Amino acid sequence: MILNTRLSLQLVIVFAISTASAFAQGASGGKLPSTTTPKAKPTPEATDSATKTASSRTRQSTASDRIDGKWLTTGNDFGTSEVVFTQTGSNVTGTITWAEGRTGHLTGTFAAKRLRFTFTTSTGETASGWLELSWPHFLGGPWKSARVKDGSWTMSRIEGQWCLNGDRNRIRRVMHDASGRLTIVAEDGTEESGYLNGYLFLNSPNGPIKGDTFYDRRYRVEWANGTLWTWCGR
């Protein structure tokens, strides 16, 4: 009798302890609640806004940024034409010749790769605008007059020496007129012809050969027949 009483008492105590333990674990999902203290956020250091603000950079013209010489208008609302610039320091003058016979006189100032100009034509029209030297052989920008409110003018250096496939022993001397007609003289004196009509074209017995002009890194013309011209200077 005493043995049975002791056994029953032990069973009751074990059951009570098990129940209490299970209840305590259930409150924290079977894991001890976290006692980790969140780390304090560091206080940001004071900064001097003057040292953090990027300084503005003004593009400066260099000695190599010259625009004197002949340029050919390369397709826009300005009209088929050529321009001959004369540059003395930052002062620029120019003569414009259009394909249909008009002429114009230009004056301007070239600084920070930009030519700000005015010109007057033989028909009495006066206009102004600016041209930016985006690449060493490309100028482009807006212009306006009483007749044209939002004009565009782009031009390239075409007249000069071009090396066939980059070979300085195989130079093509290229000349043009105001209408965009090209005359090409090879190193042996033979002549070819071509023209500008949005793109450059070479005349050949099998029809015109189109050329794509590239200004970035190396000024060049890639022709549809697989040949390449690179600029060799004026």
C-alpha atoms as a PDB file:
ATOM      1  CA  MET A   1       0.000   0.000   0.000  1.00  0.00           C
ATOM      2  CA  ILE A   2       2.799   2.394   0.970  1.00  0.00           C
ATOM      3  CA  LEU A   3       4.726   1.405  -2.196  1.00  0.00           C
ATOM      4  CA  ASN A   4       1.762   2.226  -4.404  1.00  0.00           C
ATOM      5  CA  THR A   5       1.285   5.611  -2.722  1.00  0.00           C
ATOM      6  CA  ARG A   6       4.935   6.570  -3.261  1.00  0.00           C
ATOM      7  CA  LEU A   7       4.785   5.483  -6.936  1.00  0.00           C
ATOM      8  CA  SER A   8       1.663   7.571  -7.531  1.00  0.00           C
ATOM      9  CA  LEU A   9       3.264  10.608  -5.906  1.00  0.00           C
ATOM     10  CA  GLN A  10       6.379  10.311  -8.099  1.00  0.00           C
ATOM     11  CA  LEU A  11       4.247  10.113 -11.259  1.00  0.00           C
ATOM     12  CA  VAL A  12       2.331  13.249 -10.244  1.00  0.00           C
ATOM     13  CA  ILE A  13       5.568  15.213  -9.629  1.00  0.00           C
ATOM     14  CA  VAL A  14       7.121  14.128 -12.975  1.00  0.00           C
ATOM     15  CA  PHE A  15       3.941  15.082 -14.862  1.00  0.00           C
ATOM     16  CA  ALA A  16       3.825  18.502 -13.194  1.00  0.00           C
ATOM     17  CA  ILE A  17       7.474  19.277 -14.052  1.00  0.00           C
ATOM     18  CA  SER A  18       6.992  18.189 -17.694  1.00  0.00           C
ATOM     19  CA  THR A  19       3.900  20.351 -18.088  1.00  0.00           C
ATOM     20  CA  ALA A  20       5.620  23.424 -16.632  1.00  0.00           C
ATOM     21  CA  SER A  21       8.654  22.954 -18.894  1.00  0.00           C
ATOM     22  CA  ALA A  22       6.511  22.627 -22.026  1.00  0.00           C
ATOM     23  CA  PHE A  23       4.533  25.742 -21.101  1.00  0.00           C
ATOM     24  CA  ALA A  24       7.692  27.780 -20.574  1.00  0.00           C
ATOM     25  CA  GLN A  25       9.127  26.743 -23.970  1.00  0.00           C
ATOM     26  CA  GLY A  26       5.876  27.469 -25.785  1.00  0.00           C
ATOM     27  CA  ALA A  27       6.067  31.159 -24.948  1.00  0.00           C
ATOM     28  CA  SER A  28       9.285  31.616 -26.951  1.00  0.00           C
ATOM     29  CA  GLY A  29       8.786  29.037 -29.686  1.00  0.00           C
ATOM     30  CA  GLY A  30      11.002  26.518 -27.947  1.00  0.00           C
ATOM     31  CA  LYS A  31      13.977  28.954 -27.907  1.00  0.00           C
ATOM     32  CA  LEU A  32      15.282  31.370 -25.372  1.00  0.00           C
ATOM     33  CA  PRO A  33      14.186  34.936 -26.104  1.00  0.00           C
ATOM     34  CA  SER A  34      16.947  37.004 -27.589  1.00  0.00           C
ATOM     35  CA  THR A  35      18.777  39.178 -25.136  1.00  0.00           C
ATOM     36  CA  THR A  36      21.015  40.826 -27.788  1.00  0.00           C
ATOM     37  CA  THR A  37      21.172  44.605 -27.402  1.00  0.00           C
ATOM     38  CA  PRO A  38      20.928  46.489 -30.740  1.00  0.00           C
ATOM     39  CA  LYS A  39      24.140  48.276 -31.675  1.00  0.00           C
ATOM     40  CA  ALA A  40      23.986  52.032 -31.558  1.00  0.00           C
ATOM     41  CA  LYS A  41      24.120  53.678 -34.989  1.00  0.00           C
ATOM     42  CA  PRO A  42      27.318  55.669 -35.505  1.00  0.00           C
ATOM     43  CA  THR A  43      26.878  59.409 -35.599  1.00  0.00           C
ATOM     44  CA  PRO A  44      27.737  60.697 -39.093  1.00  0.00           C
ATOM     45  CA  GLU A  45      30.714  62.965 -39.247  1.00  0.00           C
ATOM     46  CA  ALA A  46      30.155  66.571 -40.204  1.00  0.00           C
ATOM     47  CA  THR A  47      31.113  67.262 -43.813  1.00  0.00           C
ATOM     48  CA  ASP A  48      32.158  70.417 -45.526  1.00  0.00           C
ATOM     49  CA  SER A  49      29.701  70.883 -48.398  1.00  0.00           C
ATOM     50  CA  ALA A  50      32.277  72.891 -50.276  1.00  0.00           C
ATOM     51  CA  THR A  51      34.568  69.849 -50.457  1.00  0.00           C
ATOM     52  CA  LYS A  52      31.738  67.508 -51.502  1.00  0.00           C
ATOM     53  CA  THR A  53      30.321  69.618 -54.304  1.00  0.00           C
ATOM     54  CA  ALA A  54      31.798  68.768 -57.697  1.00  0.00           C
ATOM     55  CA  SER A  55      33.422  71.759 -59.227  1.00  0.00           C
ATOM     56  CA  SER A  56      32.062  72.785 -62.602  1.00  0.00           C
ATOM     57  CA  ARG A  57      34.391  72.224 -65.490  1.00  0.00           C
ATOM     58  CA  THR A  58      34.631  74.586 -68.415  1.00  0.00           C
ATOM     59  CA  ARG A  59      35.802  73.059 -71.663  1.00  0.00           C
ATOM     60  CA  GLN A  60      38.825  74.963 -72.835  1.00  0.00           C
ATOM     61  CA  SER A  61      40.050  75.204 -76.390  1.00  0.00           C
ATOM     62  CA  THR A  62      43.587  73.988 -76.948  1.00  0.00           C
ATOM     63  CA  ALA A  63      46.187  74.883 -79.532  1.00  0.00           C
ATOM     64  CA  SER A  64      45.015  71.940 -81.655  1.00  0.00           C
ATOM     65  CA  ASP A  65      41.396  73.164 -81.684  1.00  0.00           C
ATOM     66  CA  ARG A  66      41.637  75.111 -84.912  1.00  0.00           C
ATOM     67  CA  ILE A  67      38.850  75.441 -87.415  1.00  0.00           C
ATOM     68  CA  ASP A  68      40.622  77.387 -90.163  1.00  0.00           C
ATOM     69  CA  GLY A  69      40.403  75.897 -93.642  1.00  0.00           C
ATOM     70  CA  LYS A  70      37.662  74.551 -95.878  1.00  0.00           C
ATOM     71  CA  TRP A  71      34.561  72.758 -94.598  1.00  0.00           C
ATOM     72  CA  LEU A  72      31.679  71.145 -96.482  1.00  0.00           C
ATOM     73  CA  THR A  73      28.080  71.330 -95.267  1.00  0.00           C
ATOM     74  CA  THR A  74      27.011  67.736 -94.675  1.00  0.00           C
ATOM     75  CA  GLY A  75      23.251  67.712 -94.970  1.00  0.00           C
ATOM     76  CA  ASN A  76      20.587  69.735 -93.124  1.00  0.00           C
ATOM     77  CA  ASP A  77      18.386  72.769 -93.714  1.00  0.00           C
ATOM     78  CA  PHE A  78      21.313  75.179 -94.163  1.00  0.00           C
ATOM     79  CA  GLY A  79      21.663  74.362 -97.851  1.00  0.00           C
ATOM     80  CA  THR A  80      24.403  72.742 -99.940  1.00  0.00           C
ATOM     81  CA  SER A  81      27.479  74.880 -99.410  1.00  0.00           C
ATOM     82  CA  GLU A  82      31.113  75.115 -98.406  1.00  0.00           C
ATOM     83  CA  VAL A  83      32.799  77.433 -95.906  1.00  0.00           C
ATOM     84  CA  VAL A  84      36.385  78.661 -95.694  1.00  0.00           C
ATOM     85  CA  PHE A  85      37.353  79.854 -92.200  1.00  0.00           C
ATOM     86  CA  THR A  86      40.301  82.053 -91.311  1.00  0.00           C
ATOM     87  CA  GLN A  87      41.242  81.940 -87.631  1.00  0.00           C
ATOM     88  CA  THR A  88      43.486  84.386 -85.773  1.00  0.00           C
ATOM     89  CA  GLY A  89      43.535  83.498 -82.095  1.00  0.00           C
ATOM     90  CA  SER A  90      39.897  83.406 -81.051  1.00  0.00           C
ATOM     91  CA  ASN A  91      38.743  85.640 -83.917  1.00  0.00           C
ATOM     92  CA  VAL A  92      37.240  83.892 -86.927  1.00  0.00           C
ATOM     93  CA  THR A  93      36.092  85.129 -90.312  1.00  0.00           C
ATOM     94  CA  GLY A  94      34.599  83.016 -93.049  1.00  0.00           C
ATOM     95  CA  THR A  95      33.352  82.959 -96.617  1.00  0.00           C
ATOM     96  CA  ILE A  96      30.253  80.890 -97.374  1.00  0.00           C
ATOM     97  CA  THR A  97      29.493  79.744-100.915  1.00  0.00           C
ATOM     98  CA  TRP A  98      26.184  78.024-101.686  1.00  0.00           C
ATOM     99  CA  ALA A  99      25.728  75.660-104.615  1.00  0.00           C
ATOM    100  CA  GLU A 100      23.107  77.899-106.251  1.00  0.00           C
ATOM    101  CA  GLY A 101      25.483  80.876-106.285  1.00  0.00           C
ATOM    102  CA  ARG A 102      24.725  82.852-103.115  1.00  0.00           C
ATOM    103  CA  THR A 103      27.640  83.917-100.947  1.00  0.00           C
ATOM    104  CA  GLY A 104      27.969  85.062 -97.363  1.00  0.00           C
ATOM    105  CA  HIS A 105      30.443  86.677 -95.007  1.00  0.00           C
ATOM    106  CA  LEU A 106      30.787  85.349 -91.453  1.00  0.00           C
ATOM    107  CA  THR A 107      32.455  86.779 -88.354  1.00  0.00           C
ATOM    108  CA  GLY A 108      32.675  85.190 -84.926  1.00  0.00           C
ATOM    109  CA  THR A 109      34.595  84.255 -81.809  1.00  0.00           C
ATOM    110  CA  PHE A 110      35.883  80.746 -81.094  1.00  0.00           C
ATOM    111  CA  ALA A 111      36.317  79.767 -77.423  1.00  0.00           C
ATOM    112  CA  ALA A 112      35.722  76.611 -75.341  1.00  0.00           C
ATOM    113  CA  LYS A 113      35.247  74.616 -78.571  1.00  0.00           C
ATOM    114  CA  ARG A 114      32.346  76.803 -79.666  1.00  0.00           C
ATOM    115  CA  LEU A 115      32.129  79.343 -82.484  1.00  0.00           C
ATOM    116  CA  ARG A 116      29.549  82.061 -81.922  1.00  0.00           C
ATOM    117  CA  PHE A 117      28.894  83.781 -85.228  1.00  0.00           C
ATOM    118  CA  THR A 118      26.837  86.134 -87.340  1.00  0.00           C
ATOM    119  CA  PHE A 119      26.756  86.201 -91.124  1.00  0.00           C
ATOM    120  CA  THR A 120      25.261  88.264 -93.897  1.00  0.00           C
ATOM    121  CA  THR A 121      24.444  86.866 -97.339  1.00  0.00           C
ATOM    122  CA  SER A 122      24.654  88.422-100.792  1.00  0.00           C
ATOM    123  CA  THR A 123      20.839  88.568-100.790  1.00  0.00           C
ATOM    124  CA  GLY A 124      20.781  90.713 -97.638  1.00  0.00           C
ATOM    125  CA  GLU A 125      19.823  88.014 -95.120  1.00  0.00           C
ATOM    126  CA  THR A 126      21.426  88.300 -91.666  1.00  0.00           C
ATOM    127  CA  ALA A 127      21.693  85.312 -89.319  1.00  0.00           C
ATOM    128  CA  SER A 128      23.387  84.244 -86.102  1.00  0.00           C
ATOM    129  CA  GLY A 129      24.067  81.085 -84.132  1.00  0.00           C
ATOM    130  CA  TRP A 130      26.824  78.859 -82.803  1.00  0.00           C
ATOM    131  CA  LEU A 131      28.789  75.836 -83.980  1.00  0.00           C
ATOM    132  CA  GLU A 132      30.398  73.355 -81.598  1.00  0.00           C
ATOM    133  CA  LEU A 133      33.568  71.425 -82.386  1.00  0.00           C
ATOM    134  CA  SER A 134      32.185  68.089 -81.193  1.00  0.00           C
ATOM    135  CA  TRP A 135      35.064  66.194 -82.831  1.00  0.00           C
ATOM    136  CA  PRO A 136      38.233  67.619 -84.428  1.00  0.00           C
ATOM    137  CA  HIS A 137      36.671  67.420 -87.919  1.00  0.00           C
ATOM    138  CA  PHE A 138      32.983  68.074 -87.200  1.00  0.00           C
ATOM    139  CA  LEU A 139      31.120  71.304 -86.433  1.00  0.00           C
ATOM    140  CA  GLY A 140      27.424  71.556 -85.716  1.00  0.00           C
ATOM    141  CA  GLY A 141      24.851  73.786 -84.073  1.00  0.00           C
ATOM    142  CA  PRO A 142      21.765  75.992 -84.458  1.00  0.00           C
ATOM    143  CA  TRP A 143      21.239  79.189 -86.415  1.00  0.00           C
ATOM    144  CA  LYS A 144      18.363  81.580 -87.003  1.00  0.00           C
ATOM    145  CA  SER A 145      17.364  84.554 -89.093  1.00  0.00           C
ATOM    146  CA  ALA A 146      14.203  86.471 -89.901  1.00  0.00           C
ATOM    147  CA  ARG A 147      13.359  83.718 -92.397  1.00  0.00           C
ATOM    148  CA  VAL A 148      14.552  80.674 -90.406  1.00  0.00           C
ATOM    149  CA  LYS A 149      13.579  80.413 -86.745  1.00  0.00           C
ATOM    150  CA  ASP A 150      15.135  77.077 -85.787  1.00  0.00           C
ATOM    151  CA  GLY A 151      17.820  76.124 -88.285  1.00  0.00           C
ATOM    152  CA  SER A 152      20.553  73.484 -88.096  1.00  0.00           C
ATOM    153  CA  TRP A 153      24.036  73.646 -89.604  1.00  0.00           C
ATOM    154  CA  THR A 154      26.559  70.802 -89.664  1.00  0.00           C
ATOM    155  CA  MET A 155      29.825  70.575 -91.561  1.00  0.00           C
ATOM    156  CA  SER A 156      32.875  68.324 -91.895  1.00  0.00           C
ATOM    157  CA  ARG A 157      36.440  68.575 -93.126  1.00  0.00           C
ATOM    158  CA  ILE A 158      36.470  66.553 -96.338  1.00  0.00           C
ATOM    159  CA  GLU A 159      39.124  68.343 -98.371  1.00  0.00           C
ATOM    160  CA  GLY A 160      42.561  67.042 -97.458  1.00  0.00           C
ATOM    161  CA  GLN A 161      44.664  63.884 -97.487  1.00  0.00           C
ATOM    162  CA  TRP A 162      43.210  60.452 -96.821  1.00  0.00           C
ATOM    163  CA  CYS A 163      45.272  57.270 -96.395  1.00  0.00           C
ATOM    164  CA  LEU A 164      43.924  54.185 -98.157  1.00  0.00           C
ATOM    165  CA  ASN A 165      43.544  51.449 -95.511  1.00  0.00           C
ATOM    166  CA  GLY A 166      45.661  53.588 -93.179  1.00  0.00           C
ATOM    167  CA  ASP A 167      48.765  53.361 -95.432  1.00  0.00           C
ATOM    168  CA  ARG A 168      50.622  56.691 -95.653  1.00  0.00           C
ATOM    169  CA  ASN A 169      52.233  55.523 -98.893  1.00  0.00           C
ATOM    170  CA  ARG A 170      48.797  55.375-100.525  1.00  0.00           C
ATOM    171  CA  ILE A 171      47.413  58.863-100.021  1.00  0.00           C
ATOM    172  CA  ARG A 172      44.255  60.127-101.725  1.00  0.00           C
ATOM    173  CA  ARG A 173      44.121  63.893-102.122  1.00  0.00           C
ATOM    174  CA  VAL A 174      40.451  64.945-101.951  1.00  0.00           C
ATOM    175  CA  MET A 175      39.062  68.280-103.144  1.00  0.00           C
ATOM    176  CA  HIS A 176      35.461  69.494-103.348  1.00  0.00           C
ATOM    177  CA  ASP A 177      33.368  72.396-104.550  1.00  0.00           C
ATOM    178  CA  ALA A 178      30.341  74.112-103.012  1.00  0.00           C
ATOM    179  CA  SER A 179      27.914  71.625-104.573  1.00  0.00           C
ATOM    180  CA  GLY A 180      29.641  68.654-102.922  1.00  0.00           C
ATOM    181  CA  ARG A 181      31.341  67.257-106.026  1.00  0.00           C
ATOM    182  CA  LEU A 182      34.556  65.440-105.104  1.00  0.00           C
ATOM    183  CA  THR A 183      37.800  65.047-107.025  1.00  0.00           C
ATOM    184  CA  ILE A 184      40.151  62.345-105.736  1.00  0.00           C
ATOM    185  CA  VAL A 185      43.779  62.127-106.877  1.00  0.00           C
ATOM    186  CA  ALA A 186      45.650  58.902-106.034  1.00  0.00           C
ATOM    187  CA  GLU A 187      49.373  58.605-105.273  1.00  0.00           C
ATOM    188  CA  ASP A 188      50.103  57.694-108.906  1.00  0.00           C
ATOM    189  CA  GLY A 189      48.232  60.732-110.248  1.00  0.00           C
ATOM    190  CA  THR A 190      45.099  58.931-111.427  1.00  0.00           C
ATOM    191  CA  GLU A 191      41.819  60.710-110.708  1.00  0.00           C
ATOM    192  CA  GLU A 192      38.478  59.502-109.454  1.00  0.00           C
ATOM    193  CA  SER A 193      35.289  61.388-108.723  1.00  0.00           C
ATOM    194  CA  GLY A 194      32.569  61.292-106.133  1.00  0.00           C
ATOM    195  CA  TYR A 195      29.949  63.394-104.405  1.00  0.00           C
ATOM    196  CA  LEU A 196      28.236  64.152-101.120  1.00  0.00           C
ATOM    197  CA  ASN A 197      24.524  63.461-100.787  1.00  0.00           C
ATOM    198  CA  GLY A 198      23.972  62.928 -97.075  1.00  0.00           C
ATOM    199  CA  TYR A 199      26.706  60.260 -97.332  1.00  0.00           C
ATOM    200  CA  LEU A 200      29.925  60.244 -99.328  1.00  0.00           C
ATOM    201  CA  PHE A 201      29.850  58.326-102.604  1.00  0.00           C
ATOM    202  CA  LEU A 202      32.601  57.269-104.999  1.00  0.00           C
ATOM    203  CA  ASN A 203      31.726  56.898-108.663  1.00  0.00           C
ATOM    204  CA  SER A 204      32.645  53.539-110.216  1.00  0.00           C
ATOM    205  CA  PRO A 205      31.808  51.633-113.437  1.00  0.00           C
ATOM    206  CA  ASN A 206      29.465  49.429-111.392  1.00  0.00           C
ATOM    207  CA  GLY A 207      27.646  52.311-109.722  1.00  0.00           C
ATOM    208  CA  PRO A 208      28.205  54.558-106.696  1.00  0.00           C
ATOM    209  CA  ILE A 209      30.074  53.154-103.694  1.00  0.00           C
ATOM    210  CA  LYS A 210      28.681  54.464-100.420  1.00  0.00           C
ATOM    211  CA  GLY A 211      30.939  55.564 -97.565  1.00  0.00           C
ATOM    212  CA  ASP A 212      30.055  55.813 -93.863  1.00  0.00           C
ATOM    213  CA  THR A 213      31.910  58.561 -92.002  1.00  0.00           C
ATOM    214  CA  PHE A 214      33.052  58.045 -88.398  1.00  0.00           C
ATOM    215  CA  TYR A 215      34.425  60.847 -86.207  1.00  0.00           C
ATOM    216  CA  ASP A 216      35.126  59.166 -82.867  1.00  0.00           C
ATOM    217  CA  ARG A 217      38.724  58.235 -81.962  1.00  0.00           C
ATOM    218  CA  ARG A 218      39.948  58.030 -85.572  1.00  0.00           C
ATOM    219  CA  TYR A 219      38.395  60.098 -88.344  1.00  0.00           C
ATOM    220  CA  ARG A 220      37.689  57.651 -91.159  1.00  0.00           C
ATOM    221  CA  VAL A 221      35.425  56.639 -94.030  1.00  0.00           C
ATOM    222  CA  GLU A 222      34.432  52.989 -94.363  1.00  0.00           C
ATOM    223  CA  TRP A 223      33.426  52.179 -97.937  1.00  0.00           C
ATOM    224  CA  ALA A 224      30.884  49.566 -98.966  1.00  0.00           C
ATOM    225  CA  ASN A 225      33.518  47.734-101.058  1.00  0.00           C
ATOM    226  CA  GLY A 226      35.517  46.955 -97.900  1.00  0.00           C
ATOM    227  CA  THR A 227      38.207  49.637 -98.215  1.00  0.00           C
ATOM    228  CA  LEU A 228      38.957  52.243 -95.583  1.00  0.00           C
ATOM    229  CA  TRP A 229      40.148  55.839 -95.659  1.00  0.00           C
ATOM    230  CA  THR A 230      41.762  57.416 -92.594  1.00  0.00           C
ATOM    231  CA  TRP A 231      42.423  61.134 -92.242  1.00  0.00           C
ATOM    232  CA  CYS A 232      46.089  62.023 -92.868  1.00  0.00           C
ATOM    233  CA  GLY A 233      45.824  65.800 -92.522  1.00  0.00           C
ATOM    234  CA  ARG A 234      45.394  68.790 -94.802  1.00  0.00           C
END
